[in-house]
Amino acid sequence: MRGGAFRHRFNLVVPGLNNYTYELFTVQHEIEPYPITVPRGEEFQELYTEEAFVAWLKEELSSRETGRILANLLAQVTS
């Protein structure tokens, strides 16, 4: 990942687990809002428009992996 000026971390915070924090992903960009650099497996991808970023974000948040993480955290809270 290139050395971006701004880095945004998307964290899940679980109050029921003493505010346990799990970082889902990080995105970054220079002083201009685009392109945004996002993780894509072991690589990184640049998104050049808001529409591309929103589509990527929707895909990430609704992914099977994110669902698995949420289910595991919920199981920890309810056990």
N, C-alpha and C. Protein backbone atom coordinates (compact mmCIF):
# COMPACT_ATOMS: atom_id res chain seq x y z
N MET A 1 0.86 -1.17 0.00
CA MET A 1 0.00 0.00 0.00
C MET A 1 0.90 1.22 0.00
N ARG A 2 0.54 2.19 -0.79
CA ARG A 2 1.36 3.40 -0.84
C ARG A 2 1.15 4.23 0.41
N GLY A 3 2.04 5.17 0.67
CA GLY A 3 1.97 5.98 1.89
C GLY A 3 0.94 7.08 1.78
N GLY A 4 -0.32 6.76 2.08
CA GLY A 4 -1.39 7.73 1.94
C GLY A 4 -1.39 8.75 3.06
N ALA A 5 -1.91 9.92 2.75
CA ALA A 5 -2.00 10.99 3.74
C ALA A 5 -3.13 10.71 4.73
N PHE A 6 -4.18 10.06 4.30
CA PHE A 6 -5.33 9.79 5.16
C PHE A 6 -5.61 8.30 5.17
N ARG A 7 -5.79 7.75 6.36
CA ARG A 7 -6.10 6.32 6.51
C ARG A 7 -7.36 6.21 7.35
N HIS A 8 -8.30 5.42 6.89
CA HIS A 8 -9.58 5.23 7.58
C HIS A 8 -9.71 3.76 7.94
N ARG A 9 -9.87 3.50 9.23
CA ARG A 9 -10.02 2.13 9.70
C ARG A 9 -11.49 1.85 9.98
N PHE A 10 -11.97 0.75 9.47
CA PHE A 10 -13.35 0.33 9.69
C PHE A 10 -13.33 -0.75 10.76
N ASN A 11 -13.73 -0.39 11.97
CA ASN A 11 -13.65 -1.27 13.12
C ASN A 11 -15.03 -1.70 13.61
N LEU A 12 -15.08 -2.94 14.08
CA LEU A 12 -16.24 -3.42 14.83
C LEU A 12 -15.86 -3.31 16.30
N VAL A 13 -16.68 -2.62 17.08
CA VAL A 13 -16.44 -2.48 18.51
C VAL A 13 -17.58 -3.20 19.23
N VAL A 14 -17.22 -4.12 20.14
CA VAL A 14 -18.20 -4.96 20.81
C VAL A 14 -18.27 -4.57 22.29
N PRO A 15 -19.25 -3.73 22.66
CA PRO A 15 -19.35 -3.31 24.06
C PRO A 15 -19.49 -4.49 25.03
N GLY A 16 -20.18 -5.55 24.62
CA GLY A 16 -20.39 -6.71 25.48
C GLY A 16 -19.13 -7.52 25.74
N LEU A 17 -18.05 -7.19 25.04
CA LEU A 17 -16.76 -7.86 25.25
C LEU A 17 -15.71 -6.83 25.67
N ASN A 18 -16.12 -5.97 26.60
CA ASN A 18 -15.21 -4.93 27.10
C ASN A 18 -14.65 -4.06 25.99
N ASN A 19 -15.53 -3.69 25.04
CA ASN A 19 -15.16 -2.85 23.90
C ASN A 19 -14.08 -3.46 23.02
N TYR A 20 -14.11 -4.80 22.92
CA TYR A 20 -13.20 -5.48 22.01
C TYR A 20 -13.35 -4.86 20.63
N THR A 21 -12.23 -4.61 19.95
CA THR A 21 -12.24 -3.98 18.64
C THR A 21 -11.60 -4.90 17.61
N TYR A 22 -12.30 -5.09 16.50
CA TYR A 22 -11.81 -5.90 15.41
C TYR A 22 -11.77 -5.02 14.17
N GLU A 23 -10.60 -4.88 13.56
CA GLU A 23 -10.47 -4.06 12.35
C GLU A 23 -10.88 -4.89 11.13
N LEU A 24 -11.97 -4.48 10.49
CA LEU A 24 -12.43 -5.16 9.28
C LEU A 24 -11.50 -4.89 8.11
N PHE A 25 -11.19 -3.62 7.90
CA PHE A 25 -10.30 -3.24 6.82
C PHE A 25 -9.91 -1.78 6.99
N THR A 26 -8.91 -1.38 6.22
CA THR A 26 -8.44 -0.01 6.21
C THR A 26 -8.41 0.46 4.76
N VAL A 27 -8.81 1.69 4.54
CA VAL A 27 -8.68 2.30 3.21
C VAL A 27 -7.86 3.57 3.37
N GLN A 28 -7.25 4.01 2.27
CA GLN A 28 -6.47 5.24 2.37
C GLN A 28 -6.49 6.01 1.06
N HIS A 29 -6.17 7.30 1.18
CA HIS A 29 -6.09 8.17 0.01
C HIS A 29 -5.16 9.33 0.32
N GLU A 30 -4.71 9.98 -0.71
CA GLU A 30 -3.87 11.16 -0.57
C GLU A 30 -4.76 12.36 -0.21
N ILE A 31 -4.27 13.55 -0.39
CA ILE A 31 -5.03 14.76 -0.05
C ILE A 31 -6.32 14.85 -0.88
N GLU A 32 -6.28 14.36 -2.10
CA GLU A 32 -7.49 14.27 -2.92
C GLU A 32 -8.26 13.03 -2.48
N PRO A 33 -9.59 13.08 -2.52
CA PRO A 33 -10.35 11.91 -2.04
C PRO A 33 -10.22 10.67 -2.91
N TYR A 34 -9.86 10.83 -4.18
CA TYR A 34 -9.73 9.68 -5.08
C TYR A 34 -8.44 9.79 -5.85
N PRO A 35 -7.79 8.67 -6.12
CA PRO A 35 -8.26 7.31 -5.89
C PRO A 35 -8.13 6.90 -4.43
N ILE A 36 -8.95 5.95 -4.03
CA ILE A 36 -8.89 5.33 -2.71
C ILE A 36 -8.22 3.97 -2.90
N THR A 37 -7.26 3.67 -2.04
CA THR A 37 -6.60 2.37 -2.08
C THR A 37 -7.29 1.45 -1.08
N VAL A 38 -7.75 0.30 -1.56
CA VAL A 38 -8.48 -0.66 -0.73
C VAL A 38 -7.80 -2.02 -0.82
N PRO A 39 -7.95 -2.85 0.23
CA PRO A 39 -7.37 -4.19 0.17
C PRO A 39 -8.16 -5.08 -0.78
N ARG A 40 -7.44 -5.95 -1.48
CA ARG A 40 -8.08 -6.95 -2.35
C ARG A 40 -7.27 -8.23 -2.19
N GLY A 41 -7.64 -9.01 -1.17
CA GLY A 41 -6.86 -10.21 -0.85
C GLY A 41 -5.49 -9.81 -0.34
N GLU A 42 -4.45 -10.34 -0.94
CA GLU A 42 -3.07 -9.99 -0.57
C GLU A 42 -2.58 -8.75 -1.30
N GLU A 43 -3.36 -8.27 -2.24
CA GLU A 43 -2.99 -7.11 -3.06
C GLU A 43 -3.80 -5.89 -2.65
N PHE A 44 -3.62 -4.81 -3.38
CA PHE A 44 -4.40 -3.60 -3.17
C PHE A 44 -4.95 -3.13 -4.50
N GLN A 45 -6.06 -2.42 -4.43
CA GLN A 45 -6.75 -1.94 -5.62
C GLN A 45 -7.03 -0.46 -5.44
N GLU A 46 -6.97 0.29 -6.53
CA GLU A 46 -7.33 1.70 -6.47
C GLU A 46 -8.70 1.90 -7.08
N LEU A 47 -9.54 2.64 -6.37
CA LEU A 47 -10.89 2.97 -6.83
C LEU A 47 -10.91 4.46 -7.15
N TYR A 48 -11.37 4.80 -8.33
CA TYR A 48 -11.24 6.16 -8.84
C TYR A 48 -12.49 7.01 -8.72
N THR A 49 -13.61 6.41 -8.33
CA THR A 49 -14.85 7.18 -8.23
C THR A 49 -15.61 6.81 -6.96
N GLU A 50 -16.52 7.68 -6.56
CA GLU A 50 -17.37 7.40 -5.40
C GLU A 50 -18.22 6.16 -5.65
N GLU A 51 -18.72 6.02 -6.86
CA GLU A 51 -19.56 4.88 -7.21
C GLU A 51 -18.79 3.57 -7.05
N ALA A 52 -17.54 3.56 -7.49
CA ALA A 52 -16.71 2.36 -7.36
C ALA A 52 -16.45 2.05 -5.89
N PHE A 53 -16.20 3.08 -5.08
CA PHE A 53 -15.96 2.87 -3.66
C PHE A 53 -17.21 2.34 -2.96
N VAL A 54 -18.36 2.91 -3.25
CA VAL A 54 -19.61 2.46 -2.63
C VAL A 54 -19.89 1.01 -3.00
N ALA A 55 -19.65 0.65 -4.25
CA ALA A 55 -19.87 -0.74 -4.68
C ALA A 55 -18.91 -1.67 -3.95
N TRP A 56 -17.64 -1.28 -3.82
CA TRP A 56 -16.67 -2.09 -3.10
C TRP A 56 -17.07 -2.24 -1.63
N LEU A 57 -17.48 -1.12 -1.01
CA LEU A 57 -17.87 -1.12 0.40
C LEU A 57 -19.08 -2.04 0.62
N LYS A 58 -20.05 -1.96 -0.27
CA LYS A 58 -21.23 -2.83 -0.17
C LYS A 58 -20.82 -4.30 -0.25
N GLU A 59 -19.91 -4.61 -1.16
CA GLU A 59 -19.44 -5.98 -1.32
C GLU A 59 -18.70 -6.46 -0.07
N GLU A 60 -17.85 -5.62 0.48
CA GLU A 60 -17.09 -5.99 1.68
C GLU A 60 -18.00 -6.21 2.89
N LEU A 61 -18.93 -5.28 3.10
CA LEU A 61 -19.79 -5.36 4.28
C LEU A 61 -20.80 -6.50 4.21
N SER A 62 -21.13 -6.93 3.00
CA SER A 62 -22.09 -8.03 2.87
C SER A 62 -21.41 -9.36 2.53
N SER A 63 -20.10 -9.40 2.62
CA SER A 63 -19.36 -10.60 2.25
C SER A 63 -19.59 -11.73 3.26
N ARG A 64 -19.34 -12.93 2.82
CA ARG A 64 -19.44 -14.11 3.68
C ARG A 64 -18.45 -14.00 4.85
N GLU A 65 -17.25 -13.48 4.58
CA GLU A 65 -16.24 -13.35 5.63
C GLU A 65 -16.68 -12.36 6.71
N THR A 66 -17.25 -11.24 6.33
CA THR A 66 -17.74 -10.28 7.32
C THR A 66 -18.88 -10.89 8.13
N GLY A 67 -19.76 -11.62 7.48
CA GLY A 67 -20.84 -12.31 8.19
C GLY A 67 -20.31 -13.32 9.19
N ARG A 68 -19.27 -14.05 8.80
CA ARG A 68 -18.65 -15.03 9.69
C ARG A 68 -18.06 -14.35 10.92
N ILE A 69 -17.38 -13.24 10.70
CA ILE A 69 -16.77 -12.49 11.81
C ILE A 69 -17.85 -11.99 12.76
N LEU A 70 -18.91 -11.40 12.21
CA LEU A 70 -20.01 -10.91 13.03
C LEU A 70 -20.66 -12.03 13.83
N ALA A 71 -20.88 -13.17 13.20
CA ALA A 71 -21.49 -14.31 13.89
C ALA A 71 -20.61 -14.80 15.03
N ASN A 72 -19.31 -14.84 14.81
CA ASN A 72 -18.40 -15.29 15.87
C ASN A 72 -18.39 -14.31 17.03
N LEU A 73 -18.39 -13.02 16.74
CA LEU A 73 -18.41 -12.02 17.82
C LEU A 73 -19.72 -12.09 18.59
N LEU A 74 -20.82 -12.25 17.87
CA LEU A 74 -22.12 -12.36 18.54
C LEU A 74 -22.18 -13.60 19.43
N ALA A 75 -21.61 -14.70 18.96
CA ALA A 75 -21.57 -15.93 19.76
C ALA A 75 -20.78 -15.72 21.05
N GLN A 76 -19.72 -14.94 20.99
CA GLN A 76 -18.93 -14.67 22.18
C GLN A 76 -19.72 -13.85 23.20
N VAL A 77 -20.52 -12.91 22.70
CA VAL A 77 -21.30 -12.04 23.58
C VAL A 77 -22.42 -12.83 24.25
N THR A 78 -23.06 -13.73 23.52
CA THR A 78 -24.24 -14.43 24.02
C THR A 78 -23.90 -15.70 24.78
N SER A 79 -22.63 -16.10 24.82
CA SER A 79 -22.29 -17.35 25.53
C SER A 79 -21.99 -17.11 26.99
